[in-house]
Amino acid sequence: MHRLGPVTDIPVGEGRAYAVGGEQVAVFRLRGGAVRAVSAICPHAGGPIADGLIDAKVVICPLHQHVYDLATGCSSTGQPPLRVYEARVDDDGTLLLTT
């Protein structure tokens, strides 16, 4: 379990990249209050996934608009999947990540 800091460090509707155990992880704070975490590097061309546009279900890579499901990591545009991580917020508002 990794403690990443206050969930309030991520504005609602946006993502942030964190270095976790030698890997880059993109963590998103969804408008509905949930958090999701996936690999921070797009497998297509290394795009910064944390900078992508999100909605309640997907993130769109900012470089070439490949679409990834935030729950499964699967691409709807034919790219290899992103790794998915378990993310949650504890009672103190701290963002926790399981790798």
N, C-alpha and C. Protein backbone atom coordinates (compact mmCIF):
# COMPACT_ATOMS: atom_id res chain seq x y z
N MET A 1 0.85 -1.18 0.00
CA MET A 1 0.00 0.00 0.00
C MET A 1 0.90 1.24 0.00
N HIS A 2 0.61 2.16 -0.90
CA HIS A 2 1.36 3.40 -1.01
C HIS A 2 0.46 4.57 -0.66
N ARG A 3 0.93 5.45 0.19
CA ARG A 3 0.21 6.67 0.57
C ARG A 3 0.74 7.79 -0.33
N LEU A 4 -0.14 8.34 -1.18
CA LEU A 4 0.29 9.32 -2.17
C LEU A 4 0.10 10.76 -1.72
N GLY A 5 -0.69 10.99 -0.69
CA GLY A 5 -0.93 12.35 -0.22
C GLY A 5 -2.41 12.67 -0.25
N PRO A 6 -2.75 13.91 0.05
CA PRO A 6 -4.16 14.31 0.10
C PRO A 6 -4.82 14.21 -1.27
N VAL A 7 -6.02 13.66 -1.31
CA VAL A 7 -6.75 13.56 -2.57
C VAL A 7 -7.04 14.96 -3.12
N THR A 8 -7.09 15.95 -2.26
CA THR A 8 -7.35 17.33 -2.69
C THR A 8 -6.21 17.91 -3.53
N ASP A 9 -5.05 17.21 -3.59
CA ASP A 9 -3.97 17.63 -4.48
C ASP A 9 -4.35 17.45 -5.94
N ILE A 10 -5.37 16.64 -6.20
CA ILE A 10 -5.86 16.42 -7.57
C ILE A 10 -7.19 17.14 -7.72
N PRO A 11 -7.26 18.16 -8.56
CA PRO A 11 -8.55 18.82 -8.77
C PRO A 11 -9.59 17.85 -9.33
N VAL A 12 -10.83 18.04 -8.97
CA VAL A 12 -11.92 17.20 -9.47
C VAL A 12 -11.95 17.28 -11.00
N GLY A 13 -12.02 16.12 -11.65
CA GLY A 13 -12.06 16.08 -13.11
C GLY A 13 -10.70 16.06 -13.77
N GLU A 14 -9.63 15.91 -12.98
CA GLU A 14 -8.27 15.91 -13.53
C GLU A 14 -7.48 14.73 -13.01
N GLY A 15 -6.25 14.61 -13.52
CA GLY A 15 -5.34 13.55 -13.11
C GLY A 15 -3.99 14.11 -12.74
N ARG A 16 -3.23 13.29 -12.03
CA ARG A 16 -1.85 13.63 -11.66
C ARG A 16 -1.02 12.37 -11.79
N ALA A 17 0.24 12.53 -12.16
CA ALA A 17 1.17 11.39 -12.25
C ALA A 17 1.97 11.30 -10.96
N TYR A 18 2.16 10.08 -10.50
CA TYR A 18 2.95 9.79 -9.30
C TYR A 18 3.97 8.71 -9.63
N ALA A 19 5.15 8.81 -9.05
CA ALA A 19 6.14 7.74 -9.13
C ALA A 19 5.87 6.80 -7.97
N VAL A 20 5.58 5.54 -8.28
CA VAL A 20 5.22 4.55 -7.26
C VAL A 20 6.00 3.27 -7.53
N GLY A 21 6.91 2.94 -6.63
CA GLY A 21 7.66 1.70 -6.78
C GLY A 21 8.38 1.56 -8.10
N GLY A 22 8.95 2.64 -8.60
CA GLY A 22 9.68 2.60 -9.86
C GLY A 22 8.81 2.70 -11.11
N GLU A 23 7.51 2.88 -10.94
CA GLU A 23 6.59 3.01 -12.07
C GLU A 23 5.89 4.36 -12.01
N GLN A 24 5.46 4.83 -13.16
CA GLN A 24 4.67 6.05 -13.23
C GLN A 24 3.19 5.66 -13.28
N VAL A 25 2.40 6.24 -12.37
CA VAL A 25 0.98 5.92 -12.27
C VAL A 25 0.19 7.22 -12.40
N ALA A 26 -0.83 7.20 -13.24
CA ALA A 26 -1.75 8.34 -13.39
C ALA A 26 -2.96 8.09 -12.51
N VAL A 27 -3.24 9.04 -11.61
CA VAL A 27 -4.39 8.92 -10.72
C VAL A 27 -5.37 10.03 -11.07
N PHE A 28 -6.63 9.65 -11.22
CA PHE A 28 -7.69 10.58 -11.61
C PHE A 28 -8.72 10.70 -10.51
N ARG A 29 -9.18 11.92 -10.30
CA ARG A 29 -10.26 12.20 -9.35
C ARG A 29 -11.50 12.52 -10.17
N LEU A 30 -12.42 11.58 -10.23
CA LEU A 30 -13.60 11.72 -11.07
C LEU A 30 -14.61 12.68 -10.44
N ARG A 31 -15.45 13.25 -11.27
CA ARG A 31 -16.44 14.22 -10.80
C ARG A 31 -17.42 13.62 -9.80
N GLY A 32 -17.66 12.32 -9.88
CA GLY A 32 -18.56 11.66 -8.95
C GLY A 32 -17.93 11.33 -7.61
N GLY A 33 -16.64 11.65 -7.45
CA GLY A 33 -15.95 11.41 -6.18
C GLY A 33 -15.03 10.21 -6.17
N ALA A 34 -15.17 9.31 -7.13
CA ALA A 34 -14.31 8.13 -7.18
C ALA A 34 -12.91 8.51 -7.66
N VAL A 35 -11.95 7.64 -7.37
CA VAL A 35 -10.60 7.79 -7.92
C VAL A 35 -10.27 6.54 -8.73
N ARG A 36 -9.50 6.73 -9.78
CA ARG A 36 -9.05 5.64 -10.65
C ARG A 36 -7.56 5.83 -10.90
N ALA A 37 -6.85 4.70 -11.11
CA ALA A 37 -5.41 4.77 -11.36
C ALA A 37 -5.04 3.78 -12.46
N VAL A 38 -4.24 4.27 -13.42
CA VAL A 38 -3.75 3.46 -14.53
C VAL A 38 -2.30 3.84 -14.81
N SER A 39 -1.65 3.06 -15.67
CA SER A 39 -0.29 3.41 -16.11
C SER A 39 -0.27 4.84 -16.62
N ALA A 40 0.79 5.57 -16.31
CA ALA A 40 0.85 6.98 -16.69
C ALA A 40 1.40 7.22 -18.08
N ILE A 41 1.89 6.17 -18.74
CA ILE A 41 2.52 6.31 -20.05
C ILE A 41 1.69 5.56 -21.09
N CYS A 42 1.27 6.25 -22.12
CA CYS A 42 0.50 5.62 -23.19
C CYS A 42 1.40 4.64 -23.95
N PRO A 43 0.94 3.39 -24.15
CA PRO A 43 1.77 2.42 -24.86
C PRO A 43 1.96 2.73 -26.34
N HIS A 44 1.15 3.61 -26.90
CA HIS A 44 1.26 3.93 -28.32
C HIS A 44 2.51 4.75 -28.61
N ALA A 45 2.67 5.89 -27.93
CA ALA A 45 3.81 6.77 -28.23
C ALA A 45 4.35 7.46 -26.98
N GLY A 46 4.06 6.90 -25.81
CA GLY A 46 4.62 7.46 -24.57
C GLY A 46 3.93 8.71 -24.08
N GLY A 47 2.71 8.96 -24.51
CA GLY A 47 1.99 10.16 -24.10
C GLY A 47 1.70 10.18 -22.61
N PRO A 48 1.59 11.39 -22.04
CA PRO A 48 1.34 11.54 -20.60
C PRO A 48 -0.14 11.37 -20.27
N ILE A 49 -0.53 10.16 -19.91
CA ILE A 49 -1.94 9.83 -19.68
C ILE A 49 -2.57 10.74 -18.62
N ALA A 50 -1.82 11.14 -17.60
CA ALA A 50 -2.38 11.98 -16.53
C ALA A 50 -2.86 13.33 -17.07
N ASP A 51 -2.35 13.75 -18.22
CA ASP A 51 -2.77 15.01 -18.83
C ASP A 51 -3.97 14.85 -19.76
N GLY A 52 -4.48 13.62 -19.88
CA GLY A 52 -5.59 13.36 -20.78
C GLY A 52 -6.91 13.86 -20.26
N LEU A 53 -7.87 13.95 -21.17
CA LEU A 53 -9.24 14.32 -20.81
C LEU A 53 -9.93 13.08 -20.26
N ILE A 54 -10.77 13.27 -19.22
CA ILE A 54 -11.49 12.15 -18.64
C ILE A 54 -12.97 12.45 -18.54
N ASP A 55 -13.73 11.36 -18.45
CA ASP A 55 -15.12 11.46 -18.03
C ASP A 55 -15.29 10.39 -16.96
N ALA A 56 -16.48 9.94 -16.71
CA ALA A 56 -16.70 8.97 -15.64
C ALA A 56 -16.13 7.59 -15.96
N LYS A 57 -15.81 7.33 -17.24
CA LYS A 57 -15.39 5.98 -17.62
C LYS A 57 -14.08 5.88 -18.36
N VAL A 58 -13.66 6.91 -19.08
CA VAL A 58 -12.48 6.79 -19.94
C VAL A 58 -11.53 7.97 -19.78
N VAL A 59 -10.28 7.72 -20.23
CA VAL A 59 -9.29 8.78 -20.38
C VAL A 59 -8.84 8.77 -21.84
N ILE A 60 -8.61 9.95 -22.38
CA ILE A 60 -8.17 10.10 -23.77
C ILE A 60 -6.74 10.63 -23.74
N CYS A 61 -5.82 9.89 -24.34
CA CYS A 61 -4.42 10.32 -24.39
C CYS A 61 -4.32 11.65 -25.12
N PRO A 62 -3.58 12.61 -24.55
CA PRO A 62 -3.51 13.93 -25.17
C PRO A 62 -2.69 13.98 -26.47
N LEU A 63 -1.88 12.96 -26.74
CA LEU A 63 -1.06 13.03 -27.96
C LEU A 63 -1.82 12.59 -29.21
N HIS A 64 -2.44 11.42 -29.17
CA HIS A 64 -3.06 10.87 -30.38
C HIS A 64 -4.50 10.42 -30.17
N GLN A 65 -5.11 10.86 -29.09
CA GLN A 65 -6.53 10.63 -28.80
C GLN A 65 -6.93 9.16 -28.69
N HIS A 66 -6.01 8.30 -28.24
CA HIS A 66 -6.40 6.92 -27.97
C HIS A 66 -7.20 6.90 -26.68
N VAL A 67 -8.24 6.08 -26.65
CA VAL A 67 -9.20 6.05 -25.54
C VAL A 67 -9.00 4.78 -24.72
N TYR A 68 -8.92 4.96 -23.39
CA TYR A 68 -8.71 3.84 -22.47
C TYR A 68 -9.78 3.84 -21.39
N ASP A 69 -10.33 2.67 -21.11
CA ASP A 69 -11.30 2.49 -20.04
C ASP A 69 -10.57 2.60 -18.70
N LEU A 70 -11.05 3.45 -17.81
CA LEU A 70 -10.38 3.66 -16.52
C LEU A 70 -10.54 2.48 -15.57
N ALA A 71 -11.57 1.65 -15.75
CA ALA A 71 -11.79 0.51 -14.87
C ALA A 71 -10.99 -0.72 -15.31
N THR A 72 -10.81 -0.90 -16.63
CA THR A 72 -10.15 -2.10 -17.13
C THR A 72 -8.80 -1.84 -17.77
N GLY A 73 -8.55 -0.60 -18.19
CA GLY A 73 -7.32 -0.27 -18.90
C GLY A 73 -7.38 -0.57 -20.39
N CYS A 74 -8.45 -1.20 -20.84
CA CYS A 74 -8.58 -1.60 -22.24
C CYS A 74 -8.79 -0.40 -23.15
N SER A 75 -8.21 -0.48 -24.33
CA SER A 75 -8.33 0.58 -25.32
C SER A 75 -9.48 0.29 -26.27
N SER A 76 -10.27 1.30 -26.58
CA SER A 76 -11.32 1.15 -27.58
C SER A 76 -10.83 1.57 -28.96
N THR A 77 -9.54 1.94 -29.04
CA THR A 77 -8.97 2.39 -30.31
C THR A 77 -7.84 1.46 -30.77
N GLY A 78 -7.81 0.23 -30.26
CA GLY A 78 -6.89 -0.78 -30.77
C GLY A 78 -5.49 -0.78 -30.21
N GLN A 79 -5.24 -0.08 -29.12
CA GLN A 79 -3.91 -0.04 -28.53
C GLN A 79 -3.79 -1.08 -27.41
N PRO A 80 -2.56 -1.45 -27.04
CA PRO A 80 -2.40 -2.34 -25.89
C PRO A 80 -3.00 -1.70 -24.64
N PRO A 81 -3.46 -2.49 -23.69
CA PRO A 81 -4.11 -1.92 -22.50
C PRO A 81 -3.13 -1.25 -21.55
N LEU A 82 -3.67 -0.35 -20.74
CA LEU A 82 -2.92 0.24 -19.63
C LEU A 82 -3.05 -0.68 -18.43
N ARG A 83 -2.05 -0.67 -17.56
CA ARG A 83 -2.16 -1.40 -16.31
C ARG A 83 -3.10 -0.62 -15.39
N VAL A 84 -3.96 -1.33 -14.68
CA VAL A 84 -4.91 -0.72 -13.75
C VAL A 84 -4.43 -0.99 -12.32
N TYR A 85 -4.54 0.02 -11.47
CA TYR A 85 -4.15 -0.08 -10.07
C TYR A 85 -5.38 0.16 -9.20
N GLU A 86 -5.37 -0.42 -8.02
CA GLU A 86 -6.45 -0.16 -7.06
C GLU A 86 -6.14 1.12 -6.32
N ALA A 87 -7.03 2.09 -6.41
CA ALA A 87 -6.86 3.37 -5.72
C ALA A 87 -8.10 3.63 -4.87
N ARG A 88 -7.88 4.25 -3.73
CA ARG A 88 -9.00 4.63 -2.86
C ARG A 88 -8.56 5.78 -1.97
N VAL A 89 -9.54 6.36 -1.30
CA VAL A 89 -9.28 7.46 -0.37
C VAL A 89 -9.67 6.97 1.02
N ASP A 90 -8.75 7.14 1.99
CA ASP A 90 -9.07 6.69 3.35
C ASP A 90 -9.92 7.74 4.06
N ASP A 91 -10.28 7.46 5.29
CA ASP A 91 -11.16 8.35 6.07
C ASP A 91 -10.55 9.72 6.32
N ASP A 92 -9.23 9.82 6.24
CA ASP A 92 -8.55 11.10 6.46
C ASP A 92 -8.36 11.90 5.17
N GLY A 93 -8.87 11.36 4.04
CA GLY A 93 -8.71 12.06 2.77
C GLY A 93 -7.38 11.80 2.08
N THR A 94 -6.67 10.76 2.52
CA THR A 94 -5.39 10.41 1.92
C THR A 94 -5.61 9.42 0.78
N LEU A 95 -4.96 9.68 -0.33
CA LEU A 95 -5.05 8.82 -1.49
C LEU A 95 -4.14 7.61 -1.29
N LEU A 96 -4.70 6.40 -1.42
CA LEU A 96 -3.96 5.15 -1.24
C LEU A 96 -3.94 4.37 -2.54
N LEU A 97 -2.81 3.75 -2.84
CA LEU A 97 -2.67 2.99 -4.08
C LEU A 97 -2.07 1.62 -3.75
N THR A 98 -2.67 0.58 -4.32
CA THR A 98 -2.14 -0.76 -4.18
C THR A 98 -1.55 -1.17 -5.52
N THR A 99 -0.30 -1.66 -5.50
CA THR A 99 0.36 -2.08 -6.75
C THR A 99 0.40 -3.58 -6.84
